[in-house]
């Protein structure tokens, strides 16, 4: 994916993940942090997708890429919560 696609998919996926995951108000406050959460989610989601299905998950600005990035963002939020609760 090119840089613009990463930014768009990352922002949409981060926004959706923050909206769906209850109690994520303290995670990724602001539009830049939301975008970075989504980009990290796209990387994590793409990695998981590649392991399970042996094909690239995030390929551009499309629904499948947003879905993969959304799932990855939810995983990232869950990991952040887990490690915050332990400390």
N, C-alpha and C. Protein backbone atom coordinates (compact mmCIF):
# COMPACT_ATOMS: atom_id res chain seq x y z
N UNK A 1 0.85 -1.18 0.00
CA UNK A 1 0.00 0.00 0.00
C UNK A 1 0.89 1.24 0.00
N UNK A 2 0.43 2.29 -0.61
CA UNK A 2 1.18 3.52 -0.58
C UNK A 2 0.84 4.32 0.68
N UNK A 3 1.53 5.41 0.90
CA UNK A 3 1.41 6.18 2.14
C UNK A 3 -0.01 6.71 2.35
N UNK A 4 -0.63 7.22 1.31
CA UNK A 4 -1.99 7.76 1.44
C UNK A 4 -2.98 6.67 1.86
N UNK A 5 -2.83 5.49 1.27
CA UNK A 5 -3.71 4.37 1.63
C UNK A 5 -3.52 3.98 3.09
N UNK A 6 -2.27 3.94 3.56
CA UNK A 6 -2.01 3.62 4.97
C UNK A 6 -2.68 4.64 5.88
N UNK A 7 -2.59 5.91 5.53
CA UNK A 7 -3.16 6.97 6.36
C UNK A 7 -4.69 6.86 6.39
N UNK A 8 -5.31 6.71 5.23
CA UNK A 8 -6.77 6.64 5.17
C UNK A 8 -7.30 5.39 5.86
N UNK A 9 -6.75 4.23 5.51
CA UNK A 9 -7.19 2.98 6.13
C UNK A 9 -6.90 3.01 7.62
N UNK A 10 -5.75 3.52 8.02
CA UNK A 10 -5.39 3.60 9.43
C UNK A 10 -6.34 4.47 10.22
N UNK A 11 -6.70 5.62 9.69
CA UNK A 11 -7.61 6.50 10.42
C UNK A 11 -8.99 5.88 10.55
N UNK A 12 -9.52 5.34 9.46
CA UNK A 12 -10.86 4.74 9.50
C UNK A 12 -10.88 3.55 10.46
N UNK A 13 -9.88 2.67 10.36
CA UNK A 13 -9.84 1.49 11.22
C UNK A 13 -9.64 1.88 12.68
N UNK A 14 -8.78 2.84 12.97
CA UNK A 14 -8.58 3.29 14.34
C UNK A 14 -9.83 3.92 14.92
N UNK A 15 -10.52 4.71 14.11
CA UNK A 15 -11.76 5.34 14.56
C UNK A 15 -12.82 4.29 14.88
N UNK A 16 -12.97 3.31 13.99
CA UNK A 16 -13.97 2.26 14.21
C UNK A 16 -13.62 1.40 15.43
N UNK A 17 -12.36 1.08 15.59
CA UNK A 17 -11.95 0.26 16.73
C UNK A 17 -12.18 0.99 18.05
N UNK A 18 -11.87 2.28 18.09
CA UNK A 18 -12.13 3.05 19.31
C UNK A 18 -13.62 3.16 19.59
N UNK A 19 -14.43 3.22 18.55
CA UNK A 19 -15.88 3.32 18.74
C UNK A 19 -16.47 2.00 19.24
N UNK A 20 -15.94 0.88 18.77
CA UNK A 20 -16.49 -0.43 19.12
C UNK A 20 -15.98 -0.91 20.48
N UNK A 21 -14.71 -0.71 20.75
CA UNK A 21 -14.12 -1.20 22.00
C UNK A 21 -14.50 -0.25 23.14
N UNK A 22 -15.35 -0.72 24.03
CA UNK A 22 -15.79 0.10 25.16
C UNK A 22 -14.63 0.36 26.11
N UNK A 23 -14.59 1.54 26.68
CA UNK A 23 -13.55 1.89 27.64
C UNK A 23 -12.22 2.25 27.02
N UNK A 24 -12.20 2.59 25.73
CA UNK A 24 -10.94 2.94 25.08
C UNK A 24 -10.76 4.45 24.98
N UNK A 25 -11.40 5.20 25.89
CA UNK A 25 -11.29 6.67 25.83
C UNK A 25 -9.88 7.15 26.09
N UNK A 26 -9.13 6.46 26.96
CA UNK A 26 -7.78 6.88 27.27
C UNK A 26 -6.75 6.39 26.29
N UNK A 27 -7.16 5.64 25.29
CA UNK A 27 -6.25 5.08 24.30
C UNK A 27 -6.39 5.87 23.01
N UNK A 28 -5.28 6.34 22.50
CA UNK A 28 -5.22 7.02 21.20
C UNK A 28 -6.14 8.23 21.16
N UNK A 29 -5.87 9.20 22.01
CA UNK A 29 -6.66 10.44 22.00
C UNK A 29 -6.13 11.36 20.91
N UNK A 30 -7.03 11.88 20.10
CA UNK A 30 -6.66 12.78 19.01
C UNK A 30 -6.61 12.05 17.69
N UNK A 31 -6.68 12.81 16.61
CA UNK A 31 -6.77 12.21 15.29
C UNK A 31 -5.46 11.55 14.87
N UNK A 32 -4.32 12.13 15.26
CA UNK A 32 -3.02 11.54 14.89
C UNK A 32 -2.81 10.20 15.60
N UNK A 33 -3.14 10.15 16.88
CA UNK A 33 -3.01 8.90 17.63
C UNK A 33 -3.99 7.85 17.11
N UNK A 34 -5.17 8.28 16.72
CA UNK A 34 -6.15 7.35 16.14
C UNK A 34 -5.63 6.78 14.84
N UNK A 35 -5.03 7.61 14.02
CA UNK A 35 -4.46 7.17 12.76
C UNK A 35 -3.30 6.19 13.00
N UNK A 36 -2.44 6.51 13.95
CA UNK A 36 -1.32 5.62 14.26
C UNK A 36 -1.80 4.29 14.83
N UNK A 37 -2.86 4.32 15.64
CA UNK A 37 -3.46 3.09 16.15
C UNK A 37 -3.95 2.24 14.98
N UNK A 38 -4.61 2.85 14.02
CA UNK A 38 -5.11 2.12 12.85
C UNK A 38 -4.00 1.58 11.97
N UNK A 39 -2.93 2.35 11.80
CA UNK A 39 -1.79 1.88 11.00
C UNK A 39 -1.13 0.69 11.69
N UNK A 40 -0.92 0.80 13.00
CA UNK A 40 -0.37 -0.34 13.75
C UNK A 40 -1.32 -1.53 13.69
N UNK A 41 -2.62 -1.24 13.75
CA UNK A 41 -3.62 -2.30 13.61
C UNK A 41 -3.57 -2.95 12.24
N UNK A 42 -3.30 -2.18 11.20
CA UNK A 42 -3.18 -2.75 9.85
C UNK A 42 -1.98 -3.68 9.76
N UNK A 43 -0.90 -3.30 10.41
CA UNK A 43 0.29 -4.15 10.41
C UNK A 43 0.01 -5.45 11.17
N UNK A 44 -0.56 -5.32 12.37
CA UNK A 44 -0.88 -6.50 13.19
C UNK A 44 -1.93 -7.37 12.49
N UNK A 45 -3.00 -6.74 12.01
CA UNK A 45 -4.05 -7.48 11.32
C UNK A 45 -3.54 -8.16 10.05
N UNK A 46 -2.70 -7.47 9.31
CA UNK A 46 -2.11 -8.06 8.10
C UNK A 46 -1.21 -9.24 8.42
N UNK A 47 -0.48 -9.13 9.52
CA UNK A 47 0.39 -10.23 9.95
C UNK A 47 -0.45 -11.45 10.33
N UNK A 48 -1.51 -11.23 11.11
CA UNK A 48 -2.40 -12.32 11.51
C UNK A 48 -3.08 -12.93 10.27
N UNK A 49 -3.57 -12.07 9.38
CA UNK A 49 -4.24 -12.54 8.17
C UNK A 49 -3.30 -13.39 7.32
N UNK A 50 -2.06 -12.94 7.19
CA UNK A 50 -1.07 -13.67 6.39
C UNK A 50 -0.76 -15.03 7.00
N UNK A 51 -0.69 -15.12 8.32
CA UNK A 51 -0.43 -16.40 8.97
C UNK A 51 -1.60 -17.36 8.75
N UNK A 52 -2.82 -16.86 8.90
CA UNK A 52 -4.00 -17.73 8.81
C UNK A 52 -4.34 -18.10 7.37
N UNK A 53 -4.34 -17.13 6.47
CA UNK A 53 -4.83 -17.36 5.11
C UNK A 53 -3.73 -17.38 4.03
N UNK A 54 -2.49 -17.10 4.39
CA UNK A 54 -1.36 -17.10 3.45
C UNK A 54 -1.58 -16.18 2.26
N UNK A 55 -2.16 -15.03 2.53
CA UNK A 55 -2.33 -14.01 1.49
C UNK A 55 -2.26 -12.65 2.17
N UNK A 56 -1.91 -11.60 1.43
CA UNK A 56 -1.85 -10.27 2.05
C UNK A 56 -3.24 -9.79 2.45
N UNK A 57 -3.34 -9.16 3.62
CA UNK A 57 -4.64 -8.71 4.11
C UNK A 57 -4.95 -7.27 3.73
N UNK A 58 -4.01 -6.36 4.00
CA UNK A 58 -4.21 -4.95 3.72
C UNK A 58 -3.55 -4.64 2.38
N UNK A 59 -4.35 -4.38 1.35
CA UNK A 59 -3.81 -4.20 0.01
C UNK A 59 -4.09 -2.84 -0.62
N UNK A 60 -4.83 -2.00 0.04
CA UNK A 60 -5.16 -0.68 -0.51
C UNK A 60 -6.37 -0.12 0.19
N UNK A 61 -6.97 0.88 -0.39
CA UNK A 61 -8.16 1.48 0.21
C UNK A 61 -9.37 0.69 -0.29
N UNK A 62 -9.76 -0.30 0.51
CA UNK A 62 -10.94 -1.11 0.20
C UNK A 62 -11.51 -1.65 1.51
N UNK A 63 -12.67 -2.25 1.43
CA UNK A 63 -13.37 -2.72 2.62
C UNK A 63 -12.57 -3.82 3.33
N UNK A 64 -11.97 -4.72 2.58
CA UNK A 64 -11.21 -5.81 3.18
C UNK A 64 -10.02 -5.29 3.97
N UNK A 65 -9.31 -4.32 3.43
CA UNK A 65 -8.18 -3.73 4.15
C UNK A 65 -8.63 -3.05 5.42
N UNK A 66 -9.75 -2.34 5.37
CA UNK A 66 -10.27 -1.67 6.56
C UNK A 66 -10.69 -2.70 7.59
N UNK A 67 -11.30 -3.80 7.16
CA UNK A 67 -11.70 -4.85 8.08
C UNK A 67 -10.48 -5.49 8.76
N UNK A 68 -9.45 -5.79 7.98
CA UNK A 68 -8.23 -6.38 8.54
C UNK A 68 -7.58 -5.41 9.52
N UNK A 69 -7.50 -4.15 9.16
CA UNK A 69 -6.91 -3.14 10.04
C UNK A 69 -7.77 -2.92 11.29
N UNK A 70 -9.07 -2.99 11.15
CA UNK A 70 -9.99 -2.86 12.29
C UNK A 70 -9.76 -3.98 13.29
N UNK A 71 -9.69 -5.21 12.80
CA UNK A 71 -9.45 -6.35 13.70
C UNK A 71 -8.09 -6.21 14.37
N UNK A 72 -7.09 -5.82 13.62
CA UNK A 72 -5.76 -5.60 14.19
C UNK A 72 -5.76 -4.49 15.22
N UNK A 73 -6.51 -3.42 14.98
CA UNK A 73 -6.61 -2.32 15.94
C UNK A 73 -7.29 -2.76 17.22
N UNK A 74 -8.31 -3.61 17.11
CA UNK A 74 -8.96 -4.15 18.30
C UNK A 74 -7.99 -5.02 19.10
N UNK A 75 -7.15 -5.78 18.40
CA UNK A 75 -6.13 -6.58 19.08
C UNK A 75 -5.14 -5.67 19.80
N UNK A 76 -4.72 -4.60 19.15
CA UNK A 76 -3.78 -3.65 19.76
C UNK A 76 -4.39 -3.00 21.00
N UNK A 77 -5.65 -2.58 20.92
CA UNK A 77 -6.32 -1.99 22.08
C UNK A 77 -6.40 -3.01 23.22
N UNK A 78 -6.71 -4.25 22.90
CA UNK A 78 -6.78 -5.29 23.92
C UNK A 78 -5.42 -5.52 24.58
N UNK A 79 -4.37 -5.52 23.78
CA UNK A 79 -3.02 -5.68 24.34
C UNK A 79 -2.63 -4.50 25.23
N UNK A 80 -2.99 -3.29 24.80
CA UNK A 80 -2.70 -2.11 25.63
C UNK A 80 -3.42 -2.22 26.96
N UNK A 81 -4.68 -2.61 26.94
CA UNK A 81 -5.45 -2.78 28.18
C UNK A 81 -4.81 -3.85 29.07
N UNK A 82 -4.41 -4.96 28.47
CA UNK A 82 -3.83 -6.05 29.23
C UNK A 82 -2.56 -5.61 29.95
N UNK A 83 -1.67 -4.92 29.23
CA UNK A 83 -0.41 -4.52 29.83
C UNK A 83 -0.59 -3.35 30.81
N UNK A 84 -1.57 -2.51 30.60
CA UNK A 84 -1.86 -1.43 31.58
C UNK A 84 -2.41 -2.01 32.87
N UNK A 85 -3.23 -3.05 32.78
CA UNK A 85 -3.82 -3.67 33.96
C UNK A 85 -2.77 -4.39 34.79
N UNK A 86 -1.74 -4.90 34.15
CA UNK A 86 -0.70 -5.63 34.85
C UNK A 86 0.24 -4.71 35.60
N UNK A 87 0.34 -3.46 35.19
CA UNK A 87 1.30 -2.55 35.86
C UNK A 87 0.65 -1.73 36.94
